[in-house]
Structures are given as structure tokens and as C-alpha cells.
Amino acid sequence: MPITAAAPNSGLPHWPAPEVLHVVAQDAESLQNGLDDAVQQLRAAAMAGDRRGILITRRSRSLFTVEASRDVPYGTTLENDRWHRETAPS
């Protein structure tokens, strides 16, 4: 599950918003929940002035990265598939 940064007035130390979050899931429900949580965190940072879009990249069957990207327009979420699947022999 992604780690959240403390709210500015929570009395806890305030860390900068993460740039990359990793989501690892073993089933569709936990994947969707993890991606939703990660996107919410990065979207909140973008609304607070970061002004970057969000890029979701599939790395394997169960590993995804969610990152704030200057290459993605603010207010946009793009998906990318970098999973190198083995091909069946011919």
C-alpha cells in the first residue's frame, strides 16, 4: 500500500509529496484500491501546486508504479505498459 505524507498541521513531520509510488497487488480488487489510493495522493500534491500529470506504468503482472510526471499535462492520467511478457516458442 502506498505511504501517505502527513498533513501540514497534523503535528507530525511533513515530508514532500512522493514522486513515485509502487503498487503491488495479487488480485483485481487490491490492485484497483492501491492504484486509486496512489493516484489520490499524487493528485492532491498536484492540486497543491506541483502541477504535474500522473503516469501509471505496469511493470509486471502485480507491480505498478504511479508517478508525478512533467511529461504528462496537469490534470491528465496516462497509462503505460512496460511488462516484458515471455513469448511462446513458434
PDB file of N, CA and C in Angstrom:
ATOM      1  N   MET A   1       0.835  -1.178   0.000  1.00  0.00           N
ATOM      2  CA  MET A   1       0.000   0.000   0.000  1.00  0.00           C
ATOM      3  C   MET A   1       0.881   1.243   0.000  1.00  0.00           C
ATOM      4  N   PRO A   2       0.581   2.254  -0.758  1.00  0.00           N
ATOM      5  CA  PRO A   2       1.379   3.480  -0.761  1.00  0.00           C
ATOM      6  C   PRO A   2       1.395   4.142   0.624  1.00  0.00           C
ATOM      7  N   ILE A   3       2.452   4.876   0.905  1.00  0.00           N
ATOM      8  CA  ILE A   3       2.604   5.584   2.180  1.00  0.00           C
ATOM      9  C   ILE A   3       2.144   7.025   1.984  1.00  0.00           C
ATOM     10  N   THR A   4       1.349   7.522   2.903  1.00  0.00           N
ATOM     11  CA  THR A   4       0.861   8.895   2.788  1.00  0.00           C
ATOM     12  C   THR A   4       1.766   9.842   3.556  1.00  0.00           C
ATOM     13  N   ALA A   5       1.881  11.072   3.082  1.00  0.00           N
ATOM     14  CA  ALA A   5       2.617  12.118   3.793  1.00  0.00           C
ATOM     15  C   ALA A   5       1.693  12.732   4.831  1.00  0.00           C
ATOM     16  N   ALA A   6       2.271  13.207   5.913  1.00  0.00           N
ATOM     17  CA  ALA A   6       1.468  13.816   6.981  1.00  0.00           C
ATOM     18  C   ALA A   6       0.861  15.124   6.504  1.00  0.00           C
ATOM     19  N   ALA A   7      -0.326  15.426   6.996  1.00  0.00           N
ATOM     20  CA  ALA A   7      -0.966  16.706   6.691  1.00  0.00           C
ATOM     21  C   ALA A   7      -0.158  17.822   7.337  1.00  0.00           C
ATOM     22  N   PRO A   8      -0.098  19.018   6.725  1.00  0.00           N
ATOM     23  CA  PRO A   8       0.755  20.091   7.230  1.00  0.00           C
ATOM     24  C   PRO A   8       0.531  20.462   8.686  1.00  0.00           C
ATOM     25  N   ASN A   9      -0.671  20.424   9.201  1.00  0.00           N
ATOM     26  CA  ASN A   9      -0.940  20.840  10.575  1.00  0.00           C
ATOM     27  C   ASN A   9      -1.266  19.665  11.493  1.00  0.00           C
ATOM     28  N   SER A  10      -0.789  18.473  11.158  1.00  0.00           N
ATOM     29  CA  SER A  10      -1.147  17.293  11.934  1.00  0.00           C
ATOM     30  C   SER A  10      -0.299  17.126  13.192  1.00  0.00           C
ATOM     31  N   GLY A  11       0.759  17.939  13.347  1.00  0.00           N
ATOM     32  CA  GLY A  11       1.652  17.757  14.482  1.00  0.00           C
ATOM     33  C   GLY A  11       2.748  16.750  14.175  1.00  0.00           C
ATOM     34  N   LEU A  12       2.657  16.077  13.040  1.00  0.00           N
ATOM     35  CA  LEU A  12       3.677  15.128  12.614  1.00  0.00           C
ATOM     36  C   LEU A  12       4.613  15.825  11.640  1.00  0.00           C
ATOM     37  N   PRO A  13       5.819  15.285  11.448  1.00  0.00           N
ATOM     38  CA  PRO A  13       6.719  15.896  10.462  1.00  0.00           C
ATOM     39  C   PRO A  13       6.064  15.889   9.086  1.00  0.00           C
ATOM     40  N   HIS A  14       6.347  16.910   8.285  1.00  0.00           N
ATOM     41  CA  HIS A  14       5.783  16.999   6.941  1.00  0.00           C
ATOM     42  C   HIS A  14       6.865  16.642   5.931  1.00  0.00           C
ATOM     43  N   TRP A  15       6.611  15.622   5.141  1.00  0.00           N
ATOM     44  CA  TRP A  15       7.533  15.220   4.100  1.00  0.00           C
ATOM     45  C   TRP A  15       7.026  15.737   2.767  1.00  0.00           C
ATOM     46  N   PRO A  16       7.936  15.967   1.815  1.00  0.00           N
ATOM     47  CA  PRO A  16       7.468  16.371   0.488  1.00  0.00           C
ATOM     48  C   PRO A  16       6.643  15.248  -0.134  1.00  0.00           C
ATOM     49  N   ALA A  17       5.767  15.618  -1.036  1.00  0.00           N
ATOM     50  CA  ALA A  17       4.931  14.619  -1.705  1.00  0.00           C
ATOM     51  C   ALA A  17       5.825  13.640  -2.456  1.00  0.00           C
ATOM     52  N   PRO A  18       5.486  12.369  -2.444  1.00  0.00           N
ATOM     53  CA  PRO A  18       6.290  11.388  -3.180  1.00  0.00           C
ATOM     54  C   PRO A  18       6.165  11.635  -4.682  1.00  0.00           C
ATOM     55  N   GLU A  19       7.209  11.302  -5.419  1.00  0.00           N
ATOM     56  CA  GLU A  19       7.146  11.422  -6.867  1.00  0.00           C
ATOM     57  C   GLU A  19       6.769  10.105  -7.511  1.00  0.00           C
ATOM     58  N   VAL A  20       7.138   8.988  -6.864  1.00  0.00           N
ATOM     59  CA  VAL A  20       6.808   7.663  -7.399  1.00  0.00           C
ATOM     60  C   VAL A  20       6.282   6.800  -6.263  1.00  0.00           C
ATOM     61  N   LEU A  21       5.158   6.166  -6.503  1.00  0.00           N
ATOM     62  CA  LEU A  21       4.593   5.203  -5.559  1.00  0.00           C
ATOM     63  C   LEU A  21       4.524   3.847  -6.247  1.00  0.00           C
ATOM     64  N   HIS A  22       4.756   2.796  -5.483  1.00  0.00           N
ATOM     65  CA  HIS A  22       4.700   1.443  -6.015  1.00  0.00           C
ATOM     66  C   HIS A  22       3.451   0.756  -5.493  1.00  0.00           C
ATOM     67  N   VAL A  23       2.751   0.084  -6.380  1.00  0.00           N
ATOM     68  CA  VAL A  23       1.557  -0.656  -6.005  1.00  0.00           C
ATOM     69  C   VAL A  23       1.802  -2.112  -6.373  1.00  0.00           C
ATOM     70  N   VAL A  24       1.702  -2.995  -5.368  1.00  0.00           N
ATOM     71  CA  VAL A  24       1.845  -4.430  -5.580  1.00  0.00           C
ATOM     72  C   VAL A  24       0.534  -5.066  -5.170  1.00  0.00           C
ATOM     73  N   ALA A  25      -0.036  -5.868  -6.065  1.00  0.00           N
ATOM     74  CA  ALA A  25      -1.344  -6.461  -5.778  1.00  0.00           C
ATOM     75  C   ALA A  25      -1.408  -7.881  -6.323  1.00  0.00           C
ATOM     76  N   GLN A  26      -2.163  -8.707  -5.647  1.00  0.00           N
ATOM     77  CA  GLN A  26      -2.316 -10.094  -6.071  1.00  0.00           C
ATOM     78  C   GLN A  26      -3.680 -10.388  -6.681  1.00  0.00           C
ATOM     79  N   ASP A  27      -4.600  -9.436  -6.577  1.00  0.00           N
ATOM     80  CA  ASP A  27      -5.928  -9.640  -7.173  1.00  0.00           C
ATOM     81  C   ASP A  27      -6.453  -8.306  -7.687  1.00  0.00           C
ATOM     82  N   ALA A  28      -7.505  -8.363  -8.486  1.00  0.00           N
ATOM     83  CA  ALA A  28      -8.042  -7.165  -9.147  1.00  0.00           C
ATOM     84  C   ALA A  28      -8.517  -6.117  -8.144  1.00  0.00           C
ATOM     85  N   GLU A  29      -9.142  -6.544  -7.067  1.00  0.00           N
ATOM     86  CA  GLU A  29      -9.667  -5.583  -6.086  1.00  0.00           C
ATOM     87  C   GLU A  29      -8.551  -4.823  -5.380  1.00  0.00           C
ATOM     88  N   SER A  30      -7.517  -5.541  -4.920  1.00  0.00           N
ATOM     89  CA  SER A  30      -6.422  -4.847  -4.237  1.00  0.00           C
ATOM     90  C   SER A  30      -5.637  -3.984  -5.217  1.00  0.00           C
ATOM     91  N   LEU A  31      -5.558  -4.396  -6.472  1.00  0.00           N
ATOM     92  CA  LEU A  31      -4.898  -3.570  -7.481  1.00  0.00           C
ATOM     93  C   LEU A  31      -5.656  -2.264  -7.676  1.00  0.00           C
ATOM     94  N   GLN A  32      -6.953  -2.345  -7.871  1.00  0.00           N
ATOM     95  CA  GLN A  32      -7.746  -1.139  -8.092  1.00  0.00           C
ATOM     96  C   GLN A  32      -7.682  -0.210  -6.884  1.00  0.00           C
ATOM     97  N   ASN A  33      -7.790  -0.777  -5.682  1.00  0.00           N
ATOM     98  CA  ASN A  33      -7.714   0.043  -4.465  1.00  0.00           C
ATOM     99  C   ASN A  33      -6.341   0.710  -4.326  1.00  0.00           C
ATOM    100  N   GLY A  34      -5.266  -0.037  -4.594  1.00  0.00           N
ATOM    101  CA  GLY A  34      -3.920   0.514  -4.493  1.00  0.00           C
ATOM    102  C   GLY A  34      -3.675   1.614  -5.509  1.00  0.00           C
ATOM    103  N   LEU A  35      -4.120   1.403  -6.756  1.00  0.00           N
ATOM    104  CA  LEU A  35      -3.957   2.428  -7.789  1.00  0.00           C
ATOM    105  C   LEU A  35      -4.775   3.669  -7.450  1.00  0.00           C
ATOM    106  N   ASP A  36      -5.999   3.474  -6.991  1.00  0.00           N
ATOM    107  CA  ASP A  36      -6.846   4.610  -6.606  1.00  0.00           C
ATOM    108  C   ASP A  36      -6.189   5.436  -5.498  1.00  0.00           C
ATOM    109  N   ASP A  37      -5.658   4.751  -4.469  1.00  0.00           N
ATOM    110  CA  ASP A  37      -5.000   5.447  -3.353  1.00  0.00           C
ATOM    111  C   ASP A  37      -3.781   6.231  -3.834  1.00  0.00           C
ATOM    112  N   ALA A  38      -2.953   5.602  -4.674  1.00  0.00           N
ATOM    113  CA  ALA A  38      -1.740   6.253  -5.168  1.00  0.00           C
ATOM    114  C   ALA A  38      -2.083   7.473  -6.027  1.00  0.00           C
ATOM    115  N   VAL A  39      -3.049   7.336  -6.909  1.00  0.00           N
ATOM    116  CA  VAL A  39      -3.450   8.461  -7.759  1.00  0.00           C
ATOM    117  C   VAL A  39      -3.989   9.600  -6.905  1.00  0.00           C
ATOM    118  N   GLN A  40      -4.785   9.285  -5.880  1.00  0.00           N
ATOM    119  CA  GLN A  40      -5.328  10.327  -4.984  1.00  0.00           C
ATOM    120  C   GLN A  40      -4.204  11.111  -4.316  1.00  0.00           C
ATOM    121  N   GLN A  41      -3.179  10.405  -3.834  1.00  0.00           N
ATOM    122  CA  GLN A  41      -2.059  11.069  -3.169  1.00  0.00           C
ATOM    123  C   GLN A  41      -1.335  12.012  -4.120  1.00  0.00           C
ATOM    124  N   LEU A  42      -1.044  11.546  -5.320  1.00  0.00           N
ATOM    125  CA  LEU A  42      -0.314  12.376  -6.274  1.00  0.00           C
ATOM    126  C   LEU A  42      -1.185  13.511  -6.805  1.00  0.00           C
ATOM    127  N   ARG A  43      -2.469  13.255  -6.968  1.00  0.00           N
ATOM    128  CA  ARG A  43      -3.385  14.303  -7.424  1.00  0.00           C
ATOM    129  C   ARG A  43      -3.467  15.427  -6.381  1.00  0.00           C
ATOM    130  N   ALA A  44      -3.488  15.065  -5.104  1.00  0.00           N
ATOM    131  CA  ALA A  44      -3.534  16.075  -4.039  1.00  0.00           C
ATOM    132  C   ALA A  44      -2.279  16.944  -4.082  1.00  0.00           C
ATOM    133  N   ALA A  45      -1.123  16.340  -4.326  1.00  0.00           N
ATOM    134  CA  ALA A  45       0.121  17.111  -4.429  1.00  0.00           C
ATOM    135  C   ALA A  45       0.074  18.031  -5.643  1.00  0.00           C
ATOM    136  N   ALA A  46      -0.481  17.550  -6.746  1.00  0.00           N
ATOM    137  CA  ALA A  46      -0.570  18.364  -7.964  1.00  0.00           C
ATOM    138  C   ALA A  46      -1.498  19.554  -7.747  1.00  0.00           C
ATOM    139  N   MET A  47      -2.586  19.347  -7.041  1.00  0.00           N
ATOM    140  CA  MET A  47      -3.534  20.427  -6.789  1.00  0.00           C
ATOM    141  C   MET A  47      -2.947  21.469  -5.838  1.00  0.00           C
ATOM    142  N   ALA A  48      -1.986  21.036  -5.030  1.00  0.00           N
ATOM    143  CA  ALA A  48      -1.356  21.951  -4.074  1.00  0.00           C
ATOM    144  C   ALA A  48      -0.244  22.767  -4.715  1.00  0.00           C
ATOM    145  N   GLY A  49      -0.065  22.639  -6.017  1.00  0.00           N
ATOM    146  CA  GLY A  49       0.916  23.484  -6.691  1.00  0.00           C
ATOM    147  C   GLY A  49       1.971  22.746  -7.483  1.00  0.00           C
ATOM    148  N   ASP A  50       2.027  21.437  -7.400  1.00  0.00           N
ATOM    149  CA  ASP A  50       3.052  20.672  -8.097  1.00  0.00           C
ATOM    150  C   ASP A  50       2.838  20.710  -9.620  1.00  0.00           C
ATOM    151  N   ARG A  51       1.588  20.754 -10.051  1.00  0.00           N
ATOM    152  CA  ARG A  51       1.183  20.933 -11.447  1.00  0.00           C
ATOM    153  C   ARG A  51       1.781  19.920 -12.418  1.00  0.00           C
ATOM    154  N   ARG A  52       1.827  18.664 -12.018  1.00  0.00           N
ATOM    155  CA  ARG A  52       2.273  17.600 -12.919  1.00  0.00           C
ATOM    156  C   ARG A  52       1.127  16.635 -13.147  1.00  0.00           C
ATOM    157  N   GLY A  53       1.191  15.938 -14.267  1.00  0.00           N
ATOM    158  CA  GLY A  53       0.223  14.892 -14.541  1.00  0.00           C
ATOM    159  C   GLY A  53       0.664  13.593 -13.884  1.00  0.00           C
ATOM    160  N   ILE A  54      -0.131  12.546 -14.072  1.00  0.00           N
ATOM    161  CA  ILE A  54       0.134  11.261 -13.427  1.00  0.00           C
ATOM    162  C   ILE A  54       0.339  10.198 -14.489  1.00  0.00           C
ATOM    163  N   LEU A  55       1.390   9.402 -14.321  1.00  0.00           N
ATOM    164  CA  LEU A  55       1.699   8.303 -15.220  1.00  0.00           C
ATOM    165  C   LEU A  55       1.666   6.997 -14.443  1.00  0.00           C
ATOM    166  N   ILE A  56       0.805   6.071 -14.883  1.00  0.00           N
ATOM    167  CA  ILE A  56       0.713   4.739 -14.274  1.00  0.00           C
ATOM    168  C   ILE A  56       1.397   3.769 -15.221  1.00  0.00           C
ATOM    169  N   THR A  57       2.402   3.030 -14.718  1.00  0.00           N
ATOM    170  CA  THR A  57       3.145   2.094 -15.549  1.00  0.00           C
ATOM    171  C   THR A  57       3.046   0.692 -14.986  1.00  0.00           C
ATOM    172  N   ARG A  58       2.618  -0.247 -15.836  1.00  0.00           N
ATOM    173  CA  ARG A  58       2.589  -1.659 -15.440  1.00  0.00           C
ATOM    174  C   ARG A  58       3.986  -2.224 -15.656  1.00  0.00           C
ATOM    175  N   ARG A  59       4.584  -2.760 -14.584  1.00  0.00           N
ATOM    176  CA  ARG A  59       5.935  -3.321 -14.642  1.00  0.00           C
ATOM    177  C   ARG A  59       5.932  -4.843 -14.735  1.00  0.00           C
ATOM    178  N   SER A  60       4.913  -5.470 -14.159  1.00  0.00           N
ATOM    179  CA  SER A  60       4.764  -6.931 -14.193  1.00  0.00           C
ATOM    180  C   SER A  60       3.298  -7.244 -13.930  1.00  0.00           C
ATOM    181  N   ARG A  61       3.003  -8.520 -13.775  1.00  0.00           N
ATOM    182  CA  ARG A  61       1.619  -8.916 -13.518  1.00  0.00           C
ATOM    183  C   ARG A  61       1.052  -8.222 -12.280  1.00  0.00           C
ATOM    184  N   SER A  62       1.896  -8.014 -11.263  1.00  0.00           N
ATOM    185  CA  SER A  62       1.387  -7.486  -9.995  1.00  0.00           C
ATOM    186  C   SER A  62       2.060  -6.193  -9.527  1.00  0.00           C
ATOM    187  N   LEU A  63       3.002  -5.644 -10.284  1.00  0.00           N
ATOM    188  CA  LEU A  63       3.718  -4.432  -9.873  1.00  0.00           C
ATOM    189  C   LEU A  63       3.420  -3.277 -10.826  1.00  0.00           C
ATOM    190  N   PHE A  64       2.997  -2.161 -10.245  1.00  0.00           N
ATOM    191  CA  PHE A  64       2.718  -0.942 -10.995  1.00  0.00           C
ATOM    192  C   PHE A  64       3.429   0.209 -10.300  1.00  0.00           C
ATOM    193  N   THR A  65       3.877   1.197 -11.070  1.00  0.00           N
ATOM    194  CA  THR A  65       4.364   2.437 -10.484  1.00  0.00           C
ATOM    195  C   THR A  65       3.386   3.542 -10.874  1.00  0.00           C
ATOM    196  N   VAL A  66       3.197   4.464  -9.949  1.00  0.00           N
ATOM    197  CA  VAL A  66       2.336   5.620 -10.168  1.00  0.00           C
ATOM    198  C   VAL A  66       3.217   6.820  -9.848  1.00  0.00           C
ATOM    199  N   GLU A  67       3.416   7.701 -10.840  1.00  0.00           N
ATOM    200  CA  GLU A  67       4.354   8.799 -10.629  1.00  0.00           C
ATOM    201  C   GLU A  67       3.821  10.132 -11.127  1.00  0.00           C
ATOM    202  N   ALA A  68       4.280  11.186 -10.462  1.00  0.00           N
ATOM    203  CA  ALA A  68       4.023  12.546 -10.914  1.00  0.00           C
ATOM    204  C   ALA A  68       5.034  12.812 -12.016  1.00  0.00           C
ATOM    205  N   SER A  69       4.551  13.206 -13.197  1.00  0.00           N
ATOM    206  CA  SER A  69       5.434  13.363 -14.354  1.00  0.00           C
ATOM    207  C   SER A  69       5.243  14.718 -15.023  1.00  0.00           C
ATOM    208  N   ARG A  70       6.352  15.387 -15.264  1.00  0.00           N
ATOM    209  CA  ARG A  70       6.305  16.652 -16.000  1.00  0.00           C
ATOM    210  C   ARG A  70       5.986  16.402 -17.478  1.00  0.00           C
ATOM    211  N   ASP A  71       6.144  15.172 -17.943  1.00  0.00           N
ATOM    212  CA  ASP A  71       5.852  14.821 -19.337  1.00  0.00           C
ATOM    213  C   ASP A  71       4.359  14.605 -19.585  1.00  0.00           C
ATOM    214  N   VAL A  72       3.584  14.574 -18.517  1.00  0.00           N
ATOM    215  CA  VAL A  72       2.132  14.394 -18.631  1.00  0.00           C
ATOM    216  C   VAL A  72       1.477  15.716 -18.238  1.00  0.00           C
ATOM    217  N   PRO A  73       0.582  16.235 -19.078  1.00  0.00           N
ATOM    218  CA  PRO A  73      -0.058  17.515 -18.757  1.00  0.00           C
ATOM    219  C   PRO A  73      -0.830  17.451 -17.437  1.00  0.00           C
ATOM    220  N   TYR A  74      -0.800  18.556 -16.708  1.00  0.00           N
ATOM    221  CA  TYR A  74      -1.546  18.665 -15.450  1.00  0.00           C
ATOM    222  C   TYR A  74      -3.012  18.319 -15.697  1.00  0.00           C
ATOM    223  N   GLY A  75      -3.584  17.546 -14.797  1.00  0.00           N
ATOM    224  CA  GLY A  75      -4.987  17.156 -14.910  1.00  0.00           C
ATOM    225  C   GLY A  75      -5.203  15.900 -15.736  1.00  0.00           C
ATOM    226  N   THR A  76      -4.107  15.304 -16.231  1.00  0.00           N
ATOM    227  CA  THR A  76      -4.205  14.122 -17.088  1.00  0.00           C
ATOM    228  C   THR A  76      -3.563  12.931 -16.394  1.00  0.00           C
ATOM    229  N   THR A  77      -4.147  11.752 -16.573  1.00  0.00           N
ATOM    230  CA  THR A  77      -3.554  10.500 -16.112  1.00  0.00           C
ATOM    231  C   THR A  77      -3.361   9.611 -17.330  1.00  0.00           C
ATOM    232  N   LEU A  78      -2.129   9.161 -17.559  1.00  0.00           N
ATOM    233  CA  LEU A  78      -1.822   8.273 -18.674  1.00  0.00           C
ATOM    234  C   LEU A  78      -1.384   6.917 -18.150  1.00  0.00           C
ATOM    235  N   GLU A  79      -1.604   5.897 -18.965  1.00  0.00           N
ATOM    236  CA  GLU A  79      -1.188   4.541 -18.620  1.00  0.00           C
ATOM    237  C   GLU A  79      -0.127   4.075 -19.608  1.00  0.00           C
ATOM    238  N   ASN A  80       0.822   3.281 -19.102  1.00  0.00           N
ATOM    239  CA  ASN A  80       1.924   2.779 -19.895  1.00  0.00           C
ATOM    240  C   ASN A  80       2.134   1.313 -19.514  1.00  0.00           C
ATOM    241  N   ASP A  81       2.462   0.466 -20.474  1.00  0.00           N
ATOM    242  CA  ASP A  81       2.692  -0.953 -20.196  1.00  0.00           C
ATOM    243  C   ASP A  81       4.139  -1.294 -20.510  1.00  0.00           C
ATOM    244  N   ARG A  82       4.935  -1.555 -19.496  1.00  0.00           N
ATOM    245  CA  ARG A  82       6.349  -1.915 -19.656  1.00  0.00           C
ATOM    246  C   ARG A  82       6.620  -3.355 -19.227  1.00  0.00           C
ATOM    247  N   TRP A  83       5.579  -4.162 -19.135  1.00  0.00           N
ATOM    248  CA  TRP A  83       5.726  -5.555 -18.725  1.00  0.00           C
ATOM    249  C   TRP A  83       6.239  -6.345 -19.914  1.00  0.00           C
ATOM    250  N   HIS A  84       7.418  -6.923 -19.783  1.00  0.00           N
ATOM    251  CA  HIS A  84       8.015  -7.723 -20.856  1.00  0.00           C
ATOM    252  C   HIS A  84       7.566  -9.171 -20.681  1.00  0.00           C
ATOM    253  N   ARG A  85       6.535  -9.537 -21.406  1.00  0.00           N
ATOM    254  CA  ARG A  85       5.985 -10.884 -21.320  1.00  0.00           C
ATOM    255  C   ARG A  85       6.819 -11.830 -22.168  1.00  0.00           C
ATOM    256  N   GLU A  86       6.968 -13.016 -21.698  1.00  0.00           N
ATOM    257  CA  GLU A  86       7.666 -14.034 -22.469  1.00  0.00           C
ATOM    258  C   GLU A  86       6.762 -14.473 -23.615  1.00  0.00           C
ATOM    259  N   THR A  87       7.330 -14.625 -24.787  1.00  0.00           N
ATOM    260  CA  THR A  87       6.540 -15.085 -25.922  1.00  0.00           C
ATOM    261  C   THR A  87       6.650 -16.590 -26.042  1.00  0.00           C
ATOM    262  N   ALA A  88       5.582 -17.198 -26.504  1.00  0.00           N
ATOM    263  CA  ALA A  88       5.575 -18.648 -26.680  1.00  0.00           C
ATOM    264  C   ALA A  88       6.455 -19.004 -27.875  1.00  0.00           C
ATOM    265  N   PRO A  89       7.203 -20.109 -27.768  1.00  0.00           N
ATOM    266  CA  PRO A  89       8.056 -20.529 -28.899  1.00  0.00           C
ATOM    267  C   PRO A  89       7.193 -20.858 -30.120  1.00  0.00           C
ATOM    268  N   SER A  90       7.701 -20.567 -31.298  1.00  0.00           N
ATOM    269  CA  SER A  90       6.952 -20.833 -32.530  1.00  0.00           C
ATOM    270  C   SER A  90       7.144 -22.244 -33.000  1.00  0.00           C
TER     271      SER A  90
END
